[in-house]
Amino acid sequence: MKLSIIIPCYNEEHTIASLVAAVNAAPYPDKEIIIVDDCSRDGTHAELAKLQGQVSQVIFHQVNQGKGAALRTGFQHATGDVVIIQDADLEYDPNEYALLVEPIAQGKADVVFGSRFIGAAPHRVLYFWHRVGNGMLTLLSNMFTNLNLTDMETCYKVFRREVIQSIPIEENRFGFEPEITAKLARMNLRIFEVGISYYGRTYAEGKKIGWKDGVRAVYCILKYNLFR
């Protein structure tokens, strides 16, 4: 079973090379790596130039559009049986690909969410209010989708390719997460969660999501559940 790994990338010059090395070293035999650089303004382009031969494709956006737009581009180019989202930082561990893909490989799931809040894997202790906000957004999303997810905002989402390529992605930024969750819920799919580790980073280390993205997430939960 071939795995397509979509890596949206924006100003990740300090982590992208290490991340690609970790993805290549991950114990999953058949994988393609697709990086979508969303018009980085630091030294990311120079780092990506050094990765020739280590990734399947590098696609460049000429204008910065956001994570959702980068994922939309990456999904269009995926050729694997299964598609997984991998952030370009080092918060999520590629060694867990087999764990994430297993419910799909066994024919039990169409979509898998990797939850940072279940299981015994290690989790870095960071921001209290981020955790509260995440829980509130997940709860609000669940109320409208009638799913019982524990981590709607997780990066690690895994799809059968035909599923994700059949869904039009409208959100350009972090609103992708509640949008895709709402659209998946309406499709009557088999959705699983598995516990994952999480090595979160601080704002000083490059974290980008902020309170405005939380406000947008609430808007997207309402928009894609009530008005579609």
Foldseek 3Di string as FASTA:
>chain_A
DEEEEEEEDAQPLPQQVVVLVQLLPAPDDHYAYEYEYQCHDDCVVVVVVVCVPSHDYYHYDPHRQADLVSVLVSLVPDDGQKYKYDYSHPFFGSNCVCVQCVCVVVVNFFKEAADQPDDDAAEDDDDPVVQVLQQVLVVLLCVLLVDDDRGLQGRTMMGRSVVVVVDDRDHRYSLSSSQVSLVVSVVPTGYYYDYGYTDDDDVVVPDDDDVVVSVVNVVSSCCNRPPD
